N, C-alpha and C. Protein backbone atom coordinates (compact mmCIF):
# COMPACT_ATOMS: atom_id res chain seq x y z
N UNK A 1 0.99 -1.17 -0.06
CA UNK A 1 0.02 0.04 0.05
C UNK A 1 0.97 1.17 -0.03
N UNK A 2 0.57 2.23 -0.94
CA UNK A 2 1.29 3.32 -0.97
C UNK A 2 0.31 4.52 -1.23
N UNK A 3 0.48 5.43 -0.18
CA UNK A 3 -0.47 6.52 -0.10
C UNK A 3 0.51 7.85 -0.13
N UNK A 4 -0.12 8.91 -0.67
CA UNK A 4 0.58 10.28 -0.47
C UNK A 4 0.33 10.99 0.81
N UNK A 5 -1.01 10.62 1.32
CA UNK A 5 -1.36 11.05 2.65
C UNK A 5 -2.65 12.10 2.41
N UNK A 6 -2.93 12.42 1.11
CA UNK A 6 -3.99 13.24 0.81
C UNK A 6 -5.19 12.69 0.36
N UNK A 7 -5.14 11.30 0.12
CA UNK A 7 -6.34 10.48 -0.32
C UNK A 7 -7.32 10.54 0.64
N UNK A 8 -8.64 10.59 0.20
CA UNK A 8 -9.77 10.38 1.01
C UNK A 8 -10.07 8.95 1.67
N UNK A 9 -9.55 8.02 1.01
CA UNK A 9 -9.70 6.69 1.30
C UNK A 9 -8.50 5.82 0.92
N UNK A 10 -8.25 4.73 1.57
CA UNK A 10 -7.17 3.78 1.05
C UNK A 10 -7.56 3.26 -0.17
N UNK A 11 -8.71 3.10 -0.94
CA UNK A 11 -9.03 2.85 -2.04
C UNK A 11 -8.36 3.54 -3.07
N UNK A 12 -8.19 4.85 -2.82
CA UNK A 12 -7.49 5.83 -3.74
C UNK A 12 -6.02 5.64 -3.71
N UNK A 13 -5.36 4.74 -2.90
CA UNK A 13 -3.90 4.68 -2.75
C UNK A 13 -3.49 3.61 -3.80
N UNK A 14 -2.17 3.45 -4.09
CA UNK A 14 -1.67 2.57 -4.98
C UNK A 14 -1.34 1.27 -4.22
N UNK A 15 -2.11 0.15 -4.77
CA UNK A 15 -1.91 -1.11 -4.14
C UNK A 15 -1.05 -2.08 -5.00
N UNK A 16 -0.05 -2.95 -4.31
CA UNK A 16 0.74 -3.75 -5.07
C UNK A 16 0.75 -5.13 -4.58
N UNK A 17 1.28 -5.82 -5.26
CA UNK A 17 1.36 -7.49 -4.80
C UNK A 17 2.43 -7.55 -3.70
N UNK A 18 2.36 -8.54 -2.92
CA UNK A 18 3.34 -8.72 -1.84
C UNK A 18 3.70 -10.14 -1.50
N UNK A 19 4.78 -10.32 -0.72
CA UNK A 19 5.12 -11.63 -0.45
C UNK A 19 5.27 -11.64 1.10
N UNK A 20 4.33 -10.83 1.89
CA UNK A 20 4.29 -10.82 3.25
C UNK A 20 3.49 -12.14 3.95
N UNK A 21 3.86 -12.24 5.30
CA UNK A 21 3.04 -13.12 6.25
C UNK A 21 2.28 -12.26 7.14
N UNK A 22 1.57 -12.88 7.89
CA UNK A 22 0.86 -12.06 8.96
C UNK A 22 1.92 -11.59 10.06
N UNK A 23 3.13 -12.04 10.07
CA UNK A 23 4.08 -11.38 10.86
C UNK A 23 4.27 -10.00 10.50
N UNK A 24 3.91 -9.55 9.23
CA UNK A 24 4.46 -8.39 8.59
C UNK A 24 3.16 -7.43 8.65
N UNK A 25 2.05 -7.75 9.28
CA UNK A 25 0.83 -6.87 9.21
C UNK A 25 1.14 -5.55 9.74
N UNK A 26 0.70 -4.60 9.11
CA UNK A 26 0.85 -3.03 9.48
C UNK A 26 -0.09 -2.73 10.66
N UNK A 27 0.23 -1.70 11.40
CA UNK A 27 -0.45 -1.33 12.52
C UNK A 27 -0.49 0.11 12.61
N UNK A 28 -1.25 0.82 13.10
CA UNK A 28 -1.37 2.35 13.27
C UNK A 28 -1.81 2.67 14.58
N UNK A 29 -1.49 4.03 15.09
CA UNK A 29 -2.08 4.58 16.33
C UNK A 29 -2.61 5.95 15.81
N UNK A 30 -3.91 6.08 15.92
CA UNK A 30 -4.63 7.25 15.56
C UNK A 30 -4.58 8.28 16.63
N UNK A 31 -4.44 9.55 16.23
CA UNK A 31 -4.38 10.52 17.24
C UNK A 31 -5.51 11.72 17.12
N UNK A 32 -6.63 11.28 16.71
CA UNK A 32 -7.75 12.24 16.60
C UNK A 32 -8.22 12.46 18.09
N UNK A 33 -8.71 13.70 18.36
CA UNK A 33 -9.10 14.25 19.65
C UNK A 33 -10.65 13.77 19.83
N UNK A 34 -11.35 13.12 18.73
CA UNK A 34 -12.49 12.72 18.97
C UNK A 34 -12.76 11.35 18.22
N UNK A 35 -13.06 10.45 19.05
CA UNK A 35 -13.38 8.97 18.52
C UNK A 35 -14.71 8.90 18.01
N UNK A 36 -15.02 8.08 16.99
CA UNK A 36 -16.45 7.88 16.46
C UNK A 36 -16.73 6.50 16.33
N UNK A 37 -17.96 6.02 16.67
CA UNK A 37 -18.37 4.60 16.33
C UNK A 37 -19.89 4.62 15.91
N UNK A 38 -20.36 3.50 15.37
CA UNK A 38 -21.67 3.31 15.06
C UNK A 38 -22.24 2.31 15.90
N UNK A 39 -23.46 2.44 16.24
CA UNK A 39 -24.11 1.48 17.09
C UNK A 39 -25.52 1.30 16.66
N UNK A 40 -26.34 0.36 17.21
CA UNK A 40 -27.79 0.16 17.01
C UNK A 40 -28.01 -0.45 15.58
N UNK A 41 -27.21 -1.20 15.05
CA UNK A 41 -27.41 -1.84 13.75
C UNK A 41 -26.60 -2.96 13.64
N UNK A 42 -26.95 -4.02 12.87
CA UNK A 42 -26.39 -5.32 12.66
C UNK A 42 -25.03 -4.96 11.72
N UNK A 43 -25.22 -3.98 10.83
CA UNK A 43 -24.31 -3.67 9.80
C UNK A 43 -23.24 -2.72 10.32
N UNK A 44 -22.10 -2.98 9.88
CA UNK A 44 -21.03 -1.95 10.28
C UNK A 44 -20.99 -0.68 9.57
N UNK A 45 -21.83 -0.80 8.39
CA UNK A 45 -21.83 0.39 7.46
C UNK A 45 -22.87 1.33 7.97
N UNK A 46 -23.77 1.21 8.77
CA UNK A 46 -24.79 2.14 9.42
C UNK A 46 -24.92 1.99 10.78
N UNK A 47 -25.54 3.09 11.42
CA UNK A 47 -25.83 3.05 12.81
C UNK A 47 -26.06 4.43 13.41
N UNK A 48 -26.42 4.52 14.53
CA UNK A 48 -26.38 5.82 15.30
C UNK A 48 -25.07 6.26 15.60
N UNK A 49 -24.71 7.48 15.45
CA UNK A 49 -23.46 7.97 15.60
C UNK A 49 -23.23 8.24 16.91
N UNK A 50 -22.06 7.64 17.55
CA UNK A 50 -21.41 8.09 18.92
C UNK A 50 -20.23 8.49 18.84
N UNK A 51 -19.98 9.49 19.59
CA UNK A 51 -18.59 10.22 19.74
C UNK A 51 -18.07 10.07 21.15
N UNK A 52 -16.78 10.27 21.32
CA UNK A 52 -16.04 10.23 22.57
C UNK A 52 -14.98 11.46 22.55
N UNK A 53 -15.10 12.48 23.04
CA UNK A 53 -14.12 13.38 23.21
C UNK A 53 -12.82 12.95 24.10
N UNK A 54 -11.69 12.98 23.52
CA UNK A 54 -10.49 12.55 24.19
C UNK A 54 -10.73 11.17 24.73
N UNK A 55 -10.41 11.06 26.13
CA UNK A 55 -10.70 9.71 26.82
C UNK A 55 -11.94 9.78 27.60
N UNK A 56 -12.92 10.57 27.21
CA UNK A 56 -14.24 10.90 27.78
C UNK A 56 -15.25 9.76 27.75
N UNK A 57 -16.50 10.02 28.02
CA UNK A 57 -17.41 8.97 27.71
C UNK A 57 -18.02 9.04 26.53
N UNK A 58 -18.53 7.90 26.00
CA UNK A 58 -19.37 8.00 24.60
C UNK A 58 -20.62 8.75 24.96
N UNK A 59 -21.07 9.19 23.93
CA UNK A 59 -22.29 9.92 23.72
C UNK A 59 -22.69 10.15 22.43
N UNK A 60 -23.95 10.77 22.14
CA UNK A 60 -24.58 10.89 20.91
C UNK A 60 -24.44 12.26 20.23
N UNK A 61 -24.95 12.36 18.98
CA UNK A 61 -24.90 13.75 18.40
C UNK A 61 -26.46 13.97 18.10
N UNK A 62 -26.90 15.03 18.29
CA UNK A 62 -28.33 15.60 18.05
C UNK A 62 -28.46 15.61 16.53
N UNK A 63 -29.53 15.34 16.05
CA UNK A 63 -29.76 15.38 14.46
C UNK A 63 -30.09 16.74 14.02
N UNK A 64 -30.15 17.88 14.92
CA UNK A 64 -30.51 19.21 14.59
C UNK A 64 -29.37 19.72 13.60
N UNK A 65 -29.71 20.09 12.32
CA UNK A 65 -28.68 20.38 11.36
C UNK A 65 -27.80 19.41 10.94
N UNK A 66 -27.99 18.01 11.31
CA UNK A 66 -27.06 16.86 10.97
C UNK A 66 -27.36 16.71 9.37
N UNK A 67 -26.54 16.76 8.51
CA UNK A 67 -26.68 16.56 7.20
C UNK A 67 -25.69 15.71 6.53
N UNK A 68 -25.85 15.51 5.28
CA UNK A 68 -25.02 14.55 4.46
C UNK A 68 -23.38 14.89 4.60
N UNK A 69 -23.21 16.28 4.65
CA UNK A 69 -21.73 16.78 4.84
C UNK A 69 -21.16 16.23 6.15
N UNK A 70 -21.99 16.19 7.24
CA UNK A 70 -21.53 15.69 8.46
C UNK A 70 -21.35 14.19 8.39
N UNK A 71 -22.33 13.53 7.64
CA UNK A 71 -22.20 11.99 7.57
C UNK A 71 -21.01 11.71 6.80
N UNK A 72 -20.59 12.58 5.72
CA UNK A 72 -19.28 12.11 4.92
C UNK A 72 -18.06 12.24 5.80
N UNK A 73 -18.01 13.18 6.80
CA UNK A 73 -16.87 13.15 7.57
C UNK A 73 -16.78 11.94 8.72
N UNK A 74 -17.99 11.56 9.27
CA UNK A 74 -18.18 10.56 10.13
C UNK A 74 -17.77 9.38 9.46
N UNK A 75 -18.31 9.13 8.29
CA UNK A 75 -17.97 7.80 7.61
C UNK A 75 -16.56 7.82 7.27
N UNK A 76 -15.98 8.89 6.78
CA UNK A 76 -14.34 8.77 6.39
C UNK A 76 -13.61 8.53 7.53
N UNK A 77 -13.90 9.16 8.75
CA UNK A 77 -13.17 9.00 10.02
C UNK A 77 -13.22 7.59 10.44
N UNK A 78 -14.44 6.90 10.02
CA UNK A 78 -14.45 5.51 10.28
C UNK A 78 -13.64 4.42 9.16
N UNK A 79 -13.28 5.07 8.14
CA UNK A 79 -12.57 4.37 7.09
C UNK A 79 -13.38 3.93 5.97
N UNK A 80 -14.57 4.50 5.85
CA UNK A 80 -15.44 4.38 4.73
C UNK A 80 -15.28 5.50 3.56
N UNK A 81 -15.70 5.25 2.56
CA UNK A 81 -15.44 6.29 1.41
C UNK A 81 -16.54 7.53 1.66
N UNK A 82 -17.62 7.37 2.04
CA UNK A 82 -18.71 8.35 2.43
C UNK A 82 -19.85 7.94 3.05
N UNK A 83 -20.87 8.73 2.89
CA UNK A 83 -22.11 8.21 3.68
C UNK A 83 -23.29 9.34 3.44
N UNK A 84 -24.45 9.06 3.89
CA UNK A 84 -25.58 9.85 4.01
C UNK A 84 -26.08 9.77 5.58
N UNK A 85 -26.70 11.05 5.79
CA UNK A 85 -27.24 11.18 7.19
C UNK A 85 -28.63 10.52 7.19
N UNK A 86 -28.95 10.12 8.51
CA UNK A 86 -30.32 9.75 8.75
C UNK A 86 -30.79 10.42 10.03
N UNK A 87 -32.06 10.74 10.24
CA UNK A 87 -32.24 11.52 11.38
C UNK A 87 -33.58 10.90 12.05
N UNK A 88 -33.89 11.36 13.21
CA UNK A 88 -35.05 10.95 14.06
C UNK A 88 -34.68 9.66 14.74
N UNK A 89 -33.53 9.49 15.14
CA UNK A 89 -33.20 8.02 15.81
C UNK A 89 -33.53 6.90 15.07
N UNK A 90 -33.18 6.83 13.80
CA UNK A 90 -33.42 5.45 12.94
C UNK A 90 -32.76 4.39 13.53
N UNK A 91 -31.71 4.56 14.32
CA UNK A 91 -31.03 3.28 14.76
C UNK A 91 -31.10 3.30 16.36
N UNK A 92 -32.38 3.72 16.86
CA UNK A 92 -32.59 3.66 18.25
C UNK A 92 -32.08 4.77 19.12
N UNK A 93 -32.44 4.74 20.24
CA UNK A 93 -32.01 5.81 21.19
C UNK A 93 -30.75 5.61 22.00
N UNK A 94 -29.74 6.37 22.16
CA UNK A 94 -28.39 6.43 22.72
C UNK A 94 -28.79 6.48 24.15
N UNK A 95 -27.43 6.44 24.93
CA UNK A 95 -27.45 6.75 26.42
C UNK A 95 -26.29 7.50 26.52
N UNK A 96 -26.21 8.04 27.91
CA UNK A 96 -25.10 8.88 28.19
C UNK A 96 -25.20 10.16 27.74
N UNK A 97 -24.28 10.93 27.45
CA UNK A 97 -24.43 12.45 27.05
C UNK A 97 -24.81 12.51 25.75
N UNK A 98 -25.46 13.58 25.47
CA UNK A 98 -25.77 14.04 24.10
C UNK A 98 -24.70 15.15 23.78
N UNK A 99 -23.73 14.89 23.26
CA UNK A 99 -22.51 15.71 23.33
C UNK A 99 -22.62 16.91 22.29
N UNK A 100 -23.14 16.82 20.96
CA UNK A 100 -23.31 17.77 20.16
C UNK A 100 -24.68 18.08 19.68
N UNK A 101 -25.12 19.34 19.25
CA UNK A 101 -26.25 19.75 18.72
C UNK A 101 -25.46 20.83 17.60
N UNK A 102 -26.02 20.59 16.49
CA UNK A 102 -25.57 21.55 15.24
C UNK A 102 -24.22 21.34 14.95
N UNK A 103 -23.74 20.09 14.58
CA UNK A 103 -22.49 19.62 14.08
C UNK A 103 -22.41 20.30 12.59
N UNK A 104 -21.56 21.10 12.28
CA UNK A 104 -21.41 21.81 11.12
C UNK A 104 -20.08 21.64 10.45
N UNK A 105 -20.00 20.37 9.76
CA UNK A 105 -18.89 20.19 8.77
C UNK A 105 -19.03 20.60 7.24
N UNK A 106 -18.00 20.89 6.70
CA UNK A 106 -17.97 21.28 5.26
C UNK A 106 -18.10 20.06 4.38
N UNK A 107 -17.72 18.91 4.92
CA UNK A 107 -17.65 17.81 4.05
C UNK A 107 -16.22 17.15 3.76
N UNK A 108 -15.28 18.22 3.93
CA UNK A 108 -13.98 17.83 3.66
C UNK A 108 -12.93 17.47 4.73
N UNK A 109 -13.49 17.71 5.87
CA UNK A 109 -12.58 17.31 7.00
C UNK A 109 -12.31 15.85 7.16
N UNK A 110 -11.30 15.47 7.85
CA UNK A 110 -10.64 14.23 8.02
C UNK A 110 -11.31 13.58 9.29
N UNK A 111 -11.82 14.47 10.12
CA UNK A 111 -12.28 14.09 11.45
C UNK A 111 -13.33 14.95 11.88
N UNK A 112 -14.23 14.61 12.71
CA UNK A 112 -15.30 15.24 13.41
C UNK A 112 -14.58 16.41 14.15
N UNK A 113 -13.49 16.15 14.75
CA UNK A 113 -12.70 17.21 15.66
C UNK A 113 -12.40 18.32 14.82
N UNK A 114 -12.35 18.24 13.47
CA UNK A 114 -12.00 19.42 12.68
C UNK A 114 -13.36 20.30 12.27
N UNK A 115 -14.44 19.79 12.57
CA UNK A 115 -15.69 20.48 12.11
C UNK A 115 -15.97 21.51 13.28
N UNK A 116 -16.84 22.46 12.72
CA UNK A 116 -17.38 23.61 13.76
C UNK A 116 -18.45 22.96 14.49
N UNK A 117 -18.63 23.34 15.83
CA UNK A 117 -19.70 22.92 16.82
C UNK A 117 -20.02 24.18 17.48
N UNK A 118 -21.24 23.96 18.15
CA UNK A 118 -21.71 25.17 18.90
C UNK A 118 -20.95 25.09 20.21
N UNK A 119 -21.43 24.26 21.15
CA UNK A 119 -20.68 24.07 22.40
C UNK A 119 -20.96 22.60 22.69
N UNK A 120 -19.81 21.93 23.30
CA UNK A 120 -19.90 20.67 23.69
C UNK A 120 -20.78 20.34 24.92
N UNK A 121 -21.79 19.51 24.82
CA UNK A 121 -22.65 19.23 25.87
C UNK A 121 -23.79 20.10 26.16
N UNK A 122 -23.91 21.14 25.31
CA UNK A 122 -25.02 22.18 25.34
C UNK A 122 -26.08 21.89 24.15
N UNK A 123 -27.25 21.51 24.63
CA UNK A 123 -28.30 21.11 23.51
C UNK A 123 -29.69 21.22 24.17
N UNK A 124 -30.82 21.06 23.19
CA UNK A 124 -32.21 20.95 23.68
C UNK A 124 -32.76 19.80 22.93
N UNK A 125 -31.96 18.73 23.01
CA UNK A 125 -32.27 17.52 22.18
C UNK A 125 -32.65 16.28 23.28
N UNK A 126 -33.39 15.34 22.67
CA UNK A 126 -33.55 14.09 23.43
C UNK A 126 -32.91 12.97 22.58
N UNK A 127 -32.89 11.78 23.18
CA UNK A 127 -32.25 10.77 22.43
C UNK A 127 -33.13 10.26 21.13
N UNK A 128 -34.36 10.73 21.07
CA UNK A 128 -35.27 10.35 19.84
C UNK A 128 -34.63 11.23 18.74
N UNK A 129 -33.82 12.31 19.18
CA UNK A 129 -33.08 13.07 17.97
C UNK A 129 -31.72 12.63 17.70
N UNK A 130 -31.40 11.36 18.01
CA UNK A 130 -30.05 10.85 17.82
C UNK A 130 -29.75 10.96 16.21
N UNK A 131 -28.67 11.28 15.73
CA UNK A 131 -28.27 11.23 14.36
C UNK A 131 -27.56 9.78 13.98
N UNK A 132 -27.84 9.36 12.88
CA UNK A 132 -27.18 8.18 12.30
C UNK A 132 -26.76 8.63 10.95
N UNK A 133 -25.97 7.55 10.46
CA UNK A 133 -25.37 7.48 9.02
C UNK A 133 -25.54 6.07 8.41
N UNK A 134 -25.64 6.15 7.07
CA UNK A 134 -25.36 4.94 6.24
C UNK A 134 -24.15 5.23 5.33
N UNK A 135 -23.03 4.48 5.69
CA UNK A 135 -21.77 4.57 5.16
C UNK A 135 -21.67 3.90 3.76
N UNK A 136 -20.85 4.19 2.86
CA UNK A 136 -20.56 3.51 1.54
C UNK A 136 -18.99 3.42 1.34
N UNK A 137 -18.66 2.46 0.63
CA UNK A 137 -17.31 2.53 0.33
C UNK A 137 -16.88 1.37 -0.43
N UNK A 138 -15.82 1.43 -1.38
CA UNK A 138 -15.24 0.30 -2.12
C UNK A 138 -14.35 -0.36 -1.15
N UNK A 139 -13.70 0.24 -0.27
CA UNK A 139 -12.81 -0.48 0.74
C UNK A 139 -13.14 -0.08 2.07
N UNK A 140 -13.45 -0.80 2.90
CA UNK A 140 -13.68 -0.49 4.40
C UNK A 140 -12.46 -0.81 5.12
N UNK A 141 -12.16 0.02 6.25
CA UNK A 141 -10.91 -0.10 6.92
C UNK A 141 -11.28 -0.33 8.45
N UNK A 142 -10.64 -1.05 9.17
CA UNK A 142 -10.93 -1.11 10.56
C UNK A 142 -9.52 -1.45 11.38
N UNK A 143 -9.43 -1.16 12.59
CA UNK A 143 -8.21 -1.35 13.47
C UNK A 143 -8.78 -2.52 14.26
N UNK A 144 -7.73 -3.55 14.57
CA UNK A 144 -8.09 -4.91 15.29
C UNK A 144 -7.00 -5.08 16.18
N UNK A 145 -7.30 -5.76 17.13
CA UNK A 145 -6.25 -6.33 18.09
C UNK A 145 -5.84 -5.51 19.06
N UNK A 146 -6.78 -4.47 19.55
CA UNK A 146 -6.34 -3.56 20.74
C UNK A 146 -7.74 -3.14 21.24
N UNK A 147 -7.69 -3.03 22.48
CA UNK A 147 -8.83 -2.58 23.20
C UNK A 147 -9.05 -1.12 23.06
N UNK A 148 -8.15 -0.32 22.53
CA UNK A 148 -8.17 0.96 22.29
C UNK A 148 -8.71 1.11 20.79
N UNK A 149 -9.64 1.80 20.58
CA UNK A 149 -10.26 1.85 19.26
C UNK A 149 -9.34 2.78 18.23
N UNK A 150 -8.33 3.49 18.77
CA UNK A 150 -7.55 4.36 17.89
C UNK A 150 -6.19 3.65 17.54
N UNK A 151 -5.97 2.47 17.94
CA UNK A 151 -4.67 1.73 17.51
C UNK A 151 -5.01 0.36 17.21
N UNK A 152 -4.08 -0.30 16.48
CA UNK A 152 -4.24 -1.79 16.09
C UNK A 152 -3.82 -2.06 14.73
N UNK A 153 -3.84 -3.31 14.56
CA UNK A 153 -3.47 -3.89 13.23
C UNK A 153 -4.67 -3.42 12.01
N UNK A 154 -4.22 -2.84 11.06
CA UNK A 154 -5.01 -2.39 9.91
C UNK A 154 -5.38 -3.51 9.23
N UNK A 155 -6.78 -3.55 9.10
CA UNK A 155 -7.41 -4.55 8.25
C UNK A 155 -8.40 -3.79 7.26
N UNK A 156 -8.38 -4.46 6.03
CA UNK A 156 -9.23 -3.85 4.91
C UNK A 156 -10.19 -4.95 4.51
N UNK A 157 -11.31 -4.43 3.89
CA UNK A 157 -12.36 -5.26 3.09
C UNK A 157 -12.72 -4.59 1.95
N UNK A 158 -12.21 -5.09 0.91
CA UNK A 158 -12.71 -4.47 -0.62
C UNK A 158 -13.97 -5.01 -0.93
N UNK A 159 -14.77 -3.93 -1.21
CA UNK A 159 -16.15 -4.28 -1.63
C UNK A 159 -16.91 -4.95 -0.90
N UNK A 160 -16.89 -4.77 0.39
CA UNK A 160 -17.53 -5.56 1.48
C UNK A 160 -17.41 -7.00 1.24
N UNK A 161 -16.28 -7.55 1.01
CA UNK A 161 -15.93 -8.88 0.89
C UNK A 161 -15.43 -9.48 2.22
N UNK A 162 -14.19 -10.02 2.11
CA UNK A 162 -13.55 -10.70 3.22
C UNK A 162 -12.58 -9.82 3.72
N UNK A 163 -12.35 -9.62 5.19
CA UNK A 163 -11.43 -8.89 5.91
C UNK A 163 -10.00 -9.42 5.58
N UNK A 164 -9.13 -8.67 5.49
CA UNK A 164 -7.68 -8.90 5.14
C UNK A 164 -6.73 -7.89 5.88
N UNK A 165 -5.59 -8.12 5.86
CA UNK A 165 -4.49 -7.34 6.43
C UNK A 165 -3.74 -6.51 5.37
N UNK A 166 -2.91 -5.39 5.68
CA UNK A 166 -1.98 -4.79 5.11
C UNK A 166 -0.49 -5.10 5.33
N UNK A 167 0.19 -5.40 4.39
CA UNK A 167 1.67 -5.74 4.74
C UNK A 167 2.33 -4.50 5.10
N UNK A 168 3.31 -4.65 6.18
CA UNK A 168 3.83 -3.37 6.58
C UNK A 168 5.12 -2.95 5.70
N UNK A 169 5.48 -3.63 4.65
CA UNK A 169 6.61 -3.13 3.67
C UNK A 169 6.22 -1.91 3.24
N UNK A 170 7.04 -0.73 3.56
CA UNK A 170 6.90 0.52 2.83
C UNK A 170 5.78 1.27 3.65
N UNK A 171 4.97 0.83 4.62
CA UNK A 171 4.01 1.49 5.05
C UNK A 171 4.47 2.62 6.08
N UNK A 172 4.08 3.95 5.78
CA UNK A 172 4.60 4.86 6.52
C UNK A 172 3.51 5.95 7.23
N UNK A 173 3.95 6.88 7.61
CA UNK A 173 2.96 7.98 8.28
C UNK A 173 1.93 8.51 7.27
N UNK A 174 2.34 8.55 6.01
CA UNK A 174 1.48 8.97 4.94
C UNK A 174 0.37 7.99 4.67
N UNK A 175 0.62 6.70 4.82
CA UNK A 175 -0.33 5.64 4.63
C UNK A 175 -1.30 5.64 5.78
N UNK A 176 -0.73 5.91 6.97
CA UNK A 176 -1.53 5.88 8.26
C UNK A 176 -2.43 7.08 8.26
N UNK A 177 -1.93 8.17 7.65
CA UNK A 177 -3.01 9.40 7.61
C UNK A 177 -4.20 9.10 6.87
N UNK A 178 -4.11 8.28 5.81
CA UNK A 178 -5.39 7.99 5.06
C UNK A 178 -6.01 6.98 5.92
């Protein structure tokens, strides 16, 4: 895998044949200030959006103003190519904090942490207003093998097929950025 670091997805990077074993699997440590996950669905491609600031507690995003540009960023941060927004708690009601209302992404950000927000923890929403997304992508990416969601062995799934790993030959910070 060879990336310049500016790609929107690993599917945009250059892929090559390899002679690696699983002892050569690549791993990364992500440094985003805000972690994101999807819950409330059997599919990894869709669900209620939950966020965690730093090492804080998981919570939800209110759907007030939540649109496809916000969904694009959420899905891209999760390793998918893009996505669309759902509203009105399509994936059930969350628990814990409702962290954000009026998330305002342009759609080009790499992480929710780069989007404009009103104020963390201030809202007039209920869990019935939890935002959700349906993500799409030619190549899905996940980190595995660690209890910390921001680090682990890089695994990819082309066109929603079988999960596999990336050989660490030549993998550098530019690849990890994508």
